[in-house]
N, C-alpha and C. Protein backbone atom coordinates (compact mmCIF):
# COMPACT_ATOMS: atom_id res chain seq x y z
N MET A 1 -12.92 -29.56 -46.05
CA MET A 1 -13.17 -28.80 -44.85
C MET A 1 -11.90 -28.03 -44.48
N ALA A 2 -12.07 -26.74 -44.18
CA ALA A 2 -10.94 -25.88 -43.84
C ALA A 2 -10.45 -26.17 -42.43
N ALA A 3 -9.14 -26.05 -42.26
CA ALA A 3 -8.55 -26.25 -40.94
C ALA A 3 -8.98 -25.11 -40.02
N THR A 4 -9.15 -25.41 -38.75
CA THR A 4 -9.51 -24.40 -37.76
C THR A 4 -8.30 -23.51 -37.50
N GLN A 5 -8.51 -22.20 -37.58
CA GLN A 5 -7.44 -21.24 -37.33
C GLN A 5 -7.46 -20.83 -35.86
N PRO A 6 -6.28 -20.65 -35.24
CA PRO A 6 -6.25 -20.13 -33.87
C PRO A 6 -6.95 -18.78 -33.81
N ARG A 7 -7.69 -18.56 -32.75
CA ARG A 7 -8.47 -17.33 -32.65
C ARG A 7 -7.94 -16.34 -31.62
N SER A 8 -6.94 -16.68 -30.88
CA SER A 8 -6.43 -15.74 -29.88
C SER A 8 -4.91 -15.81 -29.82
N ALA A 9 -4.32 -14.76 -29.26
CA ALA A 9 -2.87 -14.73 -29.09
C ALA A 9 -2.42 -15.89 -28.21
N ASP A 10 -3.22 -16.21 -27.18
CA ASP A 10 -2.88 -17.30 -26.28
C ASP A 10 -2.80 -18.63 -27.05
N GLU A 11 -3.78 -18.87 -27.93
CA GLU A 11 -3.77 -20.10 -28.74
C GLU A 11 -2.57 -20.15 -29.67
N LEU A 12 -2.07 -18.98 -30.08
CA LEU A 12 -0.90 -18.91 -30.95
C LEU A 12 0.42 -18.97 -30.17
N GLY A 13 0.33 -18.92 -28.84
CA GLY A 13 1.54 -18.93 -28.01
C GLY A 13 2.22 -17.57 -27.95
N LEU A 14 1.48 -16.49 -28.21
CA LEU A 14 2.05 -15.15 -28.19
C LEU A 14 1.78 -14.48 -26.85
N THR A 15 2.79 -13.80 -26.33
CA THR A 15 2.61 -13.03 -25.09
C THR A 15 3.35 -11.71 -25.21
N ILE A 16 2.82 -10.71 -24.56
CA ILE A 16 3.51 -9.43 -24.45
C ILE A 16 4.31 -9.48 -23.16
N ASP A 17 5.60 -9.15 -23.26
CA ASP A 17 6.50 -9.29 -22.13
C ASP A 17 6.59 -8.07 -21.23
N GLY A 18 6.19 -6.93 -21.70
CA GLY A 18 6.29 -5.74 -20.88
C GLY A 18 5.98 -4.49 -21.68
N VAL A 19 6.19 -3.35 -21.04
CA VAL A 19 5.96 -2.07 -21.69
C VAL A 19 7.27 -1.58 -22.28
N ASN A 20 7.25 -1.19 -23.56
CA ASN A 20 8.43 -0.62 -24.18
C ASN A 20 8.50 0.87 -23.85
N HIS A 21 7.47 1.62 -24.23
CA HIS A 21 7.41 3.04 -23.91
C HIS A 21 5.99 3.54 -24.10
N LEU A 22 5.71 4.67 -23.50
CA LEU A 22 4.44 5.39 -23.66
C LEU A 22 4.81 6.75 -24.24
N THR A 23 3.94 7.31 -25.06
CA THR A 23 4.24 8.61 -25.63
C THR A 23 3.34 9.68 -25.01
N LEU A 24 3.93 10.85 -24.83
CA LEU A 24 3.20 12.01 -24.32
C LEU A 24 3.58 13.22 -25.16
N PRO A 25 2.62 14.09 -25.45
CA PRO A 25 2.96 15.32 -26.15
C PRO A 25 3.48 16.37 -25.18
N VAL A 26 4.50 17.11 -25.59
CA VAL A 26 5.03 18.21 -24.79
C VAL A 26 5.30 19.41 -25.68
N ARG A 27 5.18 20.59 -25.12
CA ARG A 27 5.41 21.82 -25.88
C ARG A 27 6.86 22.27 -25.85
N ASP A 28 7.60 21.84 -24.81
CA ASP A 28 8.95 22.35 -24.58
C ASP A 28 9.76 21.26 -23.90
N HIS A 29 10.80 20.77 -24.56
CA HIS A 29 11.60 19.68 -24.00
C HIS A 29 12.33 20.10 -22.71
N ASP A 30 12.81 21.34 -22.64
CA ASP A 30 13.52 21.76 -21.43
C ASP A 30 12.59 21.77 -20.22
N ARG A 31 11.38 22.26 -20.41
CA ARG A 31 10.40 22.28 -19.32
C ARG A 31 10.01 20.85 -18.96
N ALA A 32 9.81 19.99 -19.96
CA ALA A 32 9.47 18.59 -19.71
C ALA A 32 10.60 17.89 -18.96
N ARG A 33 11.84 18.19 -19.31
CA ARG A 33 12.99 17.59 -18.60
C ARG A 33 12.97 18.02 -17.13
N ARG A 34 12.72 19.29 -16.87
CA ARG A 34 12.66 19.75 -15.47
C ARG A 34 11.57 19.00 -14.72
N PHE A 35 10.42 18.82 -15.35
CA PHE A 35 9.31 18.16 -14.67
C PHE A 35 9.61 16.67 -14.45
N TYR A 36 9.93 15.94 -15.50
CA TYR A 36 10.06 14.48 -15.39
C TYR A 36 11.37 14.02 -14.76
N VAL A 37 12.43 14.79 -14.92
CA VAL A 37 13.73 14.39 -14.34
C VAL A 37 13.93 15.03 -12.96
N GLU A 38 13.86 16.35 -12.89
CA GLU A 38 14.17 17.03 -11.63
C GLU A 38 13.06 16.88 -10.60
N LEU A 39 11.79 16.90 -11.03
CA LEU A 39 10.69 16.84 -10.08
C LEU A 39 10.27 15.41 -9.75
N LEU A 40 10.13 14.56 -10.80
CA LEU A 40 9.68 13.18 -10.56
C LEU A 40 10.82 12.17 -10.44
N GLY A 41 12.06 12.59 -10.70
CA GLY A 41 13.21 11.71 -10.49
C GLY A 41 13.51 10.76 -11.63
N GLY A 42 13.00 11.05 -12.83
CA GLY A 42 13.28 10.20 -13.99
C GLY A 42 14.70 10.36 -14.51
N GLU A 43 15.04 9.54 -15.49
CA GLU A 43 16.38 9.55 -16.08
C GLU A 43 16.24 9.65 -17.60
N VAL A 44 16.94 10.61 -18.20
CA VAL A 44 16.93 10.74 -19.66
C VAL A 44 17.70 9.57 -20.25
N THR A 45 17.05 8.85 -21.17
CA THR A 45 17.71 7.71 -21.83
C THR A 45 18.01 7.99 -23.31
N ARG A 46 17.38 9.04 -23.87
CA ARG A 46 17.67 9.39 -25.27
C ARG A 46 17.24 10.84 -25.51
N GLU A 47 18.13 11.59 -26.14
CA GLU A 47 17.85 12.97 -26.53
C GLU A 47 17.30 12.99 -27.95
N PRO A 48 16.44 13.96 -28.27
CA PRO A 48 16.00 14.07 -29.67
C PRO A 48 17.16 14.56 -30.54
N SER A 49 17.22 14.07 -31.75
CA SER A 49 18.26 14.51 -32.69
C SER A 49 17.61 15.41 -33.73
N TRP A 50 17.58 16.71 -33.43
CA TRP A 50 16.95 17.66 -34.33
C TRP A 50 17.70 17.74 -35.66
N GLU A 51 19.01 17.51 -35.64
CA GLU A 51 19.78 17.52 -36.89
C GLU A 51 19.33 16.38 -37.80
N SER A 52 19.10 15.20 -37.22
CA SER A 52 18.63 14.05 -38.02
C SER A 52 17.23 14.29 -38.55
N VAL A 53 16.39 14.95 -37.77
CA VAL A 53 15.04 15.26 -38.23
C VAL A 53 15.11 16.24 -39.40
N LYS A 54 15.91 17.31 -39.23
CA LYS A 54 16.04 18.32 -40.29
C LYS A 54 16.63 17.73 -41.56
N ALA A 55 17.53 16.75 -41.42
CA ALA A 55 18.16 16.13 -42.59
C ALA A 55 17.30 15.02 -43.19
N GLY A 56 16.16 14.71 -42.54
CA GLY A 56 15.28 13.68 -43.08
C GLY A 56 15.68 12.25 -42.73
N ARG A 57 16.65 12.08 -41.84
CA ARG A 57 17.09 10.74 -41.44
C ARG A 57 16.26 10.17 -40.29
N SER A 58 15.45 11.00 -39.64
CA SER A 58 14.64 10.58 -38.51
C SER A 58 13.39 11.43 -38.46
N ASN A 59 12.33 10.87 -37.91
CA ASN A 59 11.13 11.67 -37.69
C ASN A 59 10.81 11.75 -36.20
N SER A 60 11.74 11.32 -35.36
CA SER A 60 11.50 11.30 -33.92
C SER A 60 11.96 12.59 -33.27
N THR A 61 11.02 13.27 -32.66
CA THR A 61 11.33 14.48 -31.89
C THR A 61 11.15 14.18 -30.41
N ALA A 62 11.44 12.94 -30.01
CA ALA A 62 11.16 12.52 -28.64
C ALA A 62 12.37 12.63 -27.74
N LEU A 63 12.11 13.12 -26.53
CA LEU A 63 13.04 13.05 -25.42
C LEU A 63 12.58 11.84 -24.61
N ALA A 64 13.41 10.81 -24.48
CA ALA A 64 13.01 9.59 -23.76
C ALA A 64 13.44 9.70 -22.30
N VAL A 65 12.48 9.44 -21.41
CA VAL A 65 12.75 9.52 -19.96
C VAL A 65 12.19 8.28 -19.29
N ARG A 66 13.04 7.56 -18.56
CA ARG A 66 12.61 6.41 -17.76
C ARG A 66 12.19 6.93 -16.40
N VAL A 67 10.91 6.75 -16.04
CA VAL A 67 10.43 7.26 -14.76
C VAL A 67 10.52 6.20 -13.66
N CYS A 68 10.55 4.93 -14.05
CA CYS A 68 10.74 3.84 -13.11
C CYS A 68 11.02 2.58 -13.92
N GLU A 69 11.41 1.52 -13.28
CA GLU A 69 11.68 0.26 -13.97
C GLU A 69 10.45 -0.15 -14.77
N GLY A 70 10.64 -0.35 -16.07
CA GLY A 70 9.55 -0.81 -16.91
C GLY A 70 8.66 0.27 -17.48
N ALA A 71 8.93 1.54 -17.18
CA ALA A 71 8.09 2.62 -17.72
C ALA A 71 8.96 3.75 -18.25
N GLU A 72 8.94 3.88 -19.56
CA GLU A 72 9.68 4.95 -20.21
C GLU A 72 8.71 5.78 -21.03
N PHE A 73 8.83 7.11 -20.90
CA PHE A 73 8.02 8.03 -21.68
C PHE A 73 8.86 8.57 -22.83
N ASP A 74 8.30 8.54 -24.03
CA ASP A 74 8.86 9.29 -25.15
C ASP A 74 8.08 10.59 -25.19
N LEU A 75 8.74 11.68 -24.84
CA LEU A 75 8.11 12.99 -24.76
C LEU A 75 8.29 13.68 -26.12
N PHE A 76 7.25 13.60 -26.95
CA PHE A 76 7.31 14.11 -28.31
C PHE A 76 6.93 15.58 -28.35
N TYR A 77 7.76 16.35 -29.04
CA TYR A 77 7.43 17.75 -29.23
C TYR A 77 6.19 17.87 -30.12
N GLN A 78 5.23 18.63 -29.66
CA GLN A 78 4.14 19.12 -30.49
C GLN A 78 3.69 20.42 -29.86
N PRO A 79 3.26 21.38 -30.66
CA PRO A 79 3.02 22.72 -30.13
C PRO A 79 1.77 22.86 -29.28
N PHE A 80 1.04 21.78 -29.04
CA PHE A 80 -0.15 21.83 -28.20
C PHE A 80 -0.07 20.66 -27.22
N GLY A 81 -0.76 20.77 -26.11
CA GLY A 81 -0.69 19.73 -25.08
C GLY A 81 -1.75 18.67 -25.24
N MET A 82 -2.18 18.14 -24.15
CA MET A 82 -3.16 17.04 -24.13
C MET A 82 -4.58 17.58 -24.23
N ALA A 83 -5.49 16.66 -23.96
CA ALA A 83 -6.92 16.97 -24.00
C ALA A 83 -7.29 17.96 -22.90
N GLN A 84 -8.55 18.37 -22.91
CA GLN A 84 -9.04 19.33 -21.92
C GLN A 84 -8.88 18.77 -20.49
N PRO A 85 -8.73 19.66 -19.50
CA PRO A 85 -8.52 19.23 -18.12
C PRO A 85 -9.62 18.35 -17.53
N ASP A 86 -10.85 18.47 -18.03
CA ASP A 86 -11.91 17.66 -17.43
C ASP A 86 -12.02 16.27 -18.05
N GLN A 87 -11.12 15.94 -18.95
CA GLN A 87 -11.08 14.58 -19.49
C GLN A 87 -10.12 13.77 -18.62
N GLU A 88 -10.65 12.75 -17.97
CA GLU A 88 -9.84 11.97 -17.03
C GLU A 88 -8.93 10.97 -17.75
N HIS A 89 -9.22 10.69 -19.00
CA HIS A 89 -8.44 9.69 -19.73
C HIS A 89 -7.96 10.28 -21.04
N PRO A 90 -6.80 9.91 -21.52
CA PRO A 90 -5.90 8.94 -20.91
C PRO A 90 -5.13 9.56 -19.75
N HIS A 91 -4.67 8.71 -18.87
CA HIS A 91 -3.72 9.13 -17.83
C HIS A 91 -2.81 7.95 -17.53
N HIS A 92 -1.71 8.24 -16.86
CA HIS A 92 -0.71 7.22 -16.53
C HIS A 92 -0.53 7.20 -15.02
N ALA A 93 -0.63 6.01 -14.44
CA ALA A 93 -0.59 5.88 -12.98
C ALA A 93 0.60 5.04 -12.55
N PHE A 94 1.20 5.44 -11.46
CA PHE A 94 2.34 4.75 -10.86
C PHE A 94 2.01 4.52 -9.39
N PHE A 95 2.88 3.84 -8.66
CA PHE A 95 2.63 3.67 -7.23
C PHE A 95 3.91 3.82 -6.45
N VAL A 96 3.74 4.18 -5.19
CA VAL A 96 4.84 4.22 -4.22
C VAL A 96 4.46 3.31 -3.07
N GLN A 97 5.43 2.90 -2.29
CA GLN A 97 5.20 1.93 -1.22
C GLN A 97 4.70 2.57 0.07
N SER A 98 5.18 3.78 0.37
CA SER A 98 4.86 4.32 1.70
C SER A 98 4.07 5.62 1.62
N PRO A 99 3.22 5.85 2.62
CA PRO A 99 2.50 7.12 2.69
C PRO A 99 3.45 8.32 2.73
N ALA A 100 4.60 8.18 3.39
CA ALA A 100 5.56 9.29 3.46
C ALA A 100 6.07 9.67 2.06
N GLU A 101 6.28 8.67 1.20
CA GLU A 101 6.72 8.96 -0.17
C GLU A 101 5.64 9.73 -0.93
N LEU A 102 4.39 9.31 -0.79
CA LEU A 102 3.30 9.99 -1.47
C LEU A 102 3.19 11.43 -0.98
N ASP A 103 3.28 11.62 0.33
CA ASP A 103 3.23 12.97 0.90
C ASP A 103 4.40 13.83 0.39
N ALA A 104 5.58 13.23 0.27
CA ALA A 104 6.75 13.97 -0.22
C ALA A 104 6.57 14.38 -1.68
N PHE A 105 6.03 13.48 -2.50
CA PHE A 105 5.77 13.85 -3.90
C PHE A 105 4.75 14.98 -3.96
N ARG A 106 3.70 14.88 -3.16
CA ARG A 106 2.67 15.92 -3.17
C ARG A 106 3.27 17.27 -2.77
N ALA A 107 4.06 17.28 -1.72
CA ALA A 107 4.68 18.53 -1.27
C ALA A 107 5.61 19.11 -2.34
N LYS A 108 6.39 18.25 -2.98
CA LYS A 108 7.32 18.69 -4.02
C LYS A 108 6.56 19.29 -5.21
N LEU A 109 5.47 18.64 -5.61
CA LEU A 109 4.66 19.15 -6.71
C LEU A 109 4.07 20.51 -6.34
N GLN A 110 3.47 20.59 -5.17
CA GLN A 110 2.79 21.82 -4.76
C GLN A 110 3.76 22.98 -4.58
N GLU A 111 4.98 22.70 -4.12
CA GLU A 111 5.92 23.81 -3.92
C GLU A 111 6.37 24.43 -5.24
N THR A 112 6.22 23.71 -6.35
CA THR A 112 6.55 24.29 -7.66
C THR A 112 5.32 24.83 -8.37
N GLY A 113 4.17 24.85 -7.68
CA GLY A 113 2.97 25.44 -8.25
C GLY A 113 2.04 24.48 -8.96
N ILE A 114 2.21 23.19 -8.75
CA ILE A 114 1.36 22.21 -9.41
C ILE A 114 0.23 21.81 -8.47
N PRO A 115 -1.02 22.08 -8.88
CA PRO A 115 -2.16 21.67 -8.05
C PRO A 115 -2.30 20.14 -8.03
N THR A 116 -2.75 19.61 -6.91
CA THR A 116 -2.94 18.17 -6.78
C THR A 116 -4.31 17.87 -6.17
N ALA A 117 -4.75 16.65 -6.38
CA ALA A 117 -5.96 16.15 -5.71
C ALA A 117 -5.60 14.80 -5.10
N LEU A 118 -5.86 14.64 -3.82
CA LEU A 118 -5.61 13.38 -3.12
C LEU A 118 -6.98 12.78 -2.79
N ILE A 119 -7.29 11.65 -3.42
CA ILE A 119 -8.60 11.04 -3.24
C ILE A 119 -8.45 9.54 -2.98
N THR A 120 -9.55 8.93 -2.57
CA THR A 120 -9.60 7.47 -2.46
C THR A 120 -10.92 6.99 -3.04
N ARG A 121 -10.86 5.83 -3.63
CA ARG A 121 -12.07 5.16 -4.11
C ARG A 121 -12.25 3.84 -3.36
N GLN A 122 -11.26 3.50 -2.51
CA GLN A 122 -11.29 2.25 -1.73
C GLN A 122 -10.77 2.52 -0.33
N GLN A 123 -11.60 2.29 0.68
CA GLN A 123 -11.16 2.42 2.06
C GLN A 123 -11.25 1.04 2.71
N ASN A 124 -10.17 0.66 3.39
CA ASN A 124 -10.10 -0.63 4.08
C ASN A 124 -9.84 -0.38 5.56
N GLY A 125 -10.86 0.05 6.27
CA GLY A 125 -10.67 0.35 7.69
C GLY A 125 -9.91 1.64 7.85
N PRO A 126 -8.81 1.62 8.64
CA PRO A 126 -8.08 2.86 8.89
C PRO A 126 -7.18 3.28 7.72
N THR A 127 -7.04 2.42 6.70
CA THR A 127 -6.20 2.77 5.55
C THR A 127 -7.05 2.77 4.28
N CYS A 128 -6.46 3.32 3.22
CA CYS A 128 -7.16 3.38 1.94
C CYS A 128 -6.15 3.31 0.81
N LEU A 129 -6.65 3.08 -0.38
CA LEU A 129 -5.85 3.22 -1.59
C LEU A 129 -5.95 4.69 -1.98
N ALA A 130 -4.87 5.44 -1.75
CA ALA A 130 -4.87 6.87 -2.04
C ALA A 130 -4.35 7.10 -3.45
N GLU A 131 -5.01 8.03 -4.17
CA GLU A 131 -4.62 8.40 -5.52
C GLU A 131 -4.26 9.88 -5.51
N LEU A 132 -3.03 10.18 -5.89
CA LEU A 132 -2.58 11.56 -6.03
C LEU A 132 -2.65 11.92 -7.51
N HIS A 133 -3.55 12.82 -7.87
CA HIS A 133 -3.74 13.23 -9.26
C HIS A 133 -3.11 14.60 -9.49
N PHE A 134 -2.46 14.77 -10.66
CA PHE A 134 -1.85 16.04 -11.04
C PHE A 134 -1.58 16.00 -12.53
N ASN A 135 -1.24 17.16 -13.09
CA ASN A 135 -0.91 17.27 -14.51
C ASN A 135 0.51 17.75 -14.68
N ASP A 136 1.14 17.30 -15.77
CA ASP A 136 2.44 17.88 -16.11
C ASP A 136 2.18 19.24 -16.75
N PRO A 137 3.21 20.03 -17.04
CA PRO A 137 2.97 21.37 -17.58
C PRO A 137 2.19 21.39 -18.90
N ASP A 138 2.16 20.28 -19.63
CA ASP A 138 1.46 20.23 -20.90
C ASP A 138 0.05 19.68 -20.79
N GLY A 139 -0.41 19.43 -19.57
CA GLY A 139 -1.77 18.96 -19.37
C GLY A 139 -1.92 17.45 -19.40
N ASN A 140 -0.81 16.71 -19.48
CA ASN A 140 -0.87 15.25 -19.42
C ASN A 140 -1.19 14.84 -17.99
N HIS A 141 -2.24 14.05 -17.83
CA HIS A 141 -2.72 13.69 -16.49
C HIS A 141 -1.92 12.51 -15.95
N LEU A 142 -1.41 12.66 -14.73
CA LEU A 142 -0.61 11.62 -14.07
C LEU A 142 -1.20 11.32 -12.71
N GLN A 143 -0.85 10.15 -12.19
CA GLN A 143 -1.39 9.70 -10.90
C GLN A 143 -0.33 8.86 -10.21
N ILE A 144 -0.18 9.06 -8.90
CA ILE A 144 0.67 8.21 -8.07
C ILE A 144 -0.21 7.66 -6.97
N ASP A 145 -0.21 6.34 -6.80
CA ASP A 145 -1.04 5.67 -5.80
C ASP A 145 -0.19 5.14 -4.65
N CYS A 146 -0.83 5.00 -3.51
CA CYS A 146 -0.24 4.35 -2.34
C CYS A 146 -1.31 3.46 -1.75
N ARG A 147 -1.01 2.17 -1.60
CA ARG A 147 -2.02 1.18 -1.22
C ARG A 147 -2.46 1.24 0.24
N ASN A 148 -1.60 1.61 1.14
CA ASN A 148 -1.94 1.60 2.58
C ASN A 148 -1.79 2.98 3.18
N TYR A 149 -2.48 3.93 2.61
CA TYR A 149 -2.42 5.30 3.07
C TYR A 149 -3.39 5.49 4.23
N PRO A 150 -2.99 6.20 5.29
CA PRO A 150 -3.92 6.40 6.42
C PRO A 150 -5.11 7.27 5.97
N PHE A 151 -6.30 6.77 6.19
CA PHE A 151 -7.49 7.53 5.84
C PHE A 151 -7.67 8.66 6.84
N SER A 152 -7.87 9.88 6.32
CA SER A 152 -8.08 11.05 7.18
C SER A 152 -8.87 12.08 6.39
N ASP A 153 -9.11 13.22 7.01
CA ASP A 153 -9.88 14.26 6.33
C ASP A 153 -9.10 14.93 5.19
N LYS A 154 -7.78 14.68 5.07
CA LYS A 154 -7.04 15.27 3.95
C LYS A 154 -7.18 14.44 2.67
N VAL A 155 -7.84 13.28 2.78
CA VAL A 155 -8.07 12.42 1.61
C VAL A 155 -9.54 12.57 1.21
N GLY A 156 -9.77 13.06 0.00
CA GLY A 156 -11.13 13.18 -0.49
C GLY A 156 -11.71 11.79 -0.75
N SER A 157 -12.98 11.61 -0.49
CA SER A 157 -13.58 10.28 -0.68
C SER A 157 -14.50 10.25 -1.88
N ALA A 158 -14.30 11.16 -2.79
CA ALA A 158 -15.09 11.17 -4.03
C ALA A 158 -14.14 11.52 -5.17
N GLY A 159 -14.71 11.81 -6.31
CA GLY A 159 -13.90 12.21 -7.44
C GLY A 159 -13.34 13.61 -7.24
N PHE A 160 -12.82 14.18 -8.30
CA PHE A 160 -12.28 15.53 -8.27
C PHE A 160 -12.63 16.20 -9.58
N ASP A 161 -12.56 17.50 -9.60
CA ASP A 161 -12.80 18.27 -10.81
C ASP A 161 -11.47 18.49 -11.50
N GLY A 162 -11.32 17.97 -12.70
CA GLY A 162 -10.07 18.10 -13.44
C GLY A 162 -9.64 19.53 -13.68
N TRP A 163 -10.61 20.45 -13.73
CA TRP A 163 -10.26 21.86 -13.92
C TRP A 163 -9.52 22.42 -12.70
N ASP A 164 -9.71 21.79 -11.52
CA ASP A 164 -8.98 22.24 -10.33
C ASP A 164 -7.49 21.92 -10.43
N LEU A 165 -7.11 21.02 -11.34
CA LEU A 165 -5.71 20.66 -11.52
C LEU A 165 -5.04 21.46 -12.63
N TYR A 166 -5.80 22.28 -13.31
CA TYR A 166 -5.28 23.04 -14.43
C TYR A 166 -4.40 24.19 -13.96
N TYR A 167 -3.30 24.40 -14.66
CA TYR A 167 -2.44 25.57 -14.46
C TYR A 167 -1.79 25.88 -15.80
N SER A 168 -1.34 27.09 -15.95
CA SER A 168 -0.74 27.50 -17.21
C SER A 168 0.68 26.97 -17.32
N TRP A 169 0.96 26.26 -18.39
CA TRP A 169 2.30 25.72 -18.62
C TRP A 169 3.32 26.84 -18.74
N ARG A 170 2.88 28.01 -19.16
CA ARG A 170 3.81 29.14 -19.32
C ARG A 170 4.32 29.64 -17.96
N ASP A 171 3.54 29.40 -16.91
CA ASP A 171 3.90 29.89 -15.57
C ASP A 171 4.63 28.86 -14.72
N TRP A 172 4.92 27.69 -15.28
CA TRP A 172 5.59 26.66 -14.49
C TRP A 172 7.06 26.60 -14.85
N PRO A 173 7.95 26.39 -13.90
CA PRO A 173 7.67 26.28 -12.47
C PRO A 173 7.46 27.65 -11.85
N ARG A 174 6.69 27.63 -10.77
CA ARG A 174 6.41 28.87 -10.04
C ARG A 174 7.73 29.39 -9.48
N LYS A 175 7.96 30.66 -9.66
CA LYS A 175 9.19 31.29 -9.16
C LYS A 175 9.10 31.47 -7.65
N ARG A 176 10.17 31.18 -6.98
CA ARG A 176 10.19 31.33 -5.51
C ARG A 176 10.73 32.66 -5.12
């Protein structure tokens, strides 16, 4: 009789400890740096080494940016962006603690020409879980949530049309 083999990671004593990195396609590293570092407040942790790629010592064309503790994006160069705007997935969601922070991010995004959608799918009396949806210049869908956002008429209570968040990456950032 054959010995019983463990059937799950838990039975094997294996656990995943955290997120190492997520990858996103970008058309232009300089534009991506402006978006993820200057606009969202991330920190560059690794530059791509084009010389190593050209010499065949590396195949990584990624600009690594830490957007918050535990979340780092490897922004890989590719000449095309993400999926069509009406595809809601994949997307990457983060959260902020206060409604004022969410409002400040929304204002900062909009002042550079990035359309946003502020919606809720959960209302708890006078507050709601607010979701701020937007795209980076390459069409990668991002979301910032706030758990205790005041419910008002500026928060949509249904879904949103992804095409309303579309803008041309060539025109970003909007010139003032």
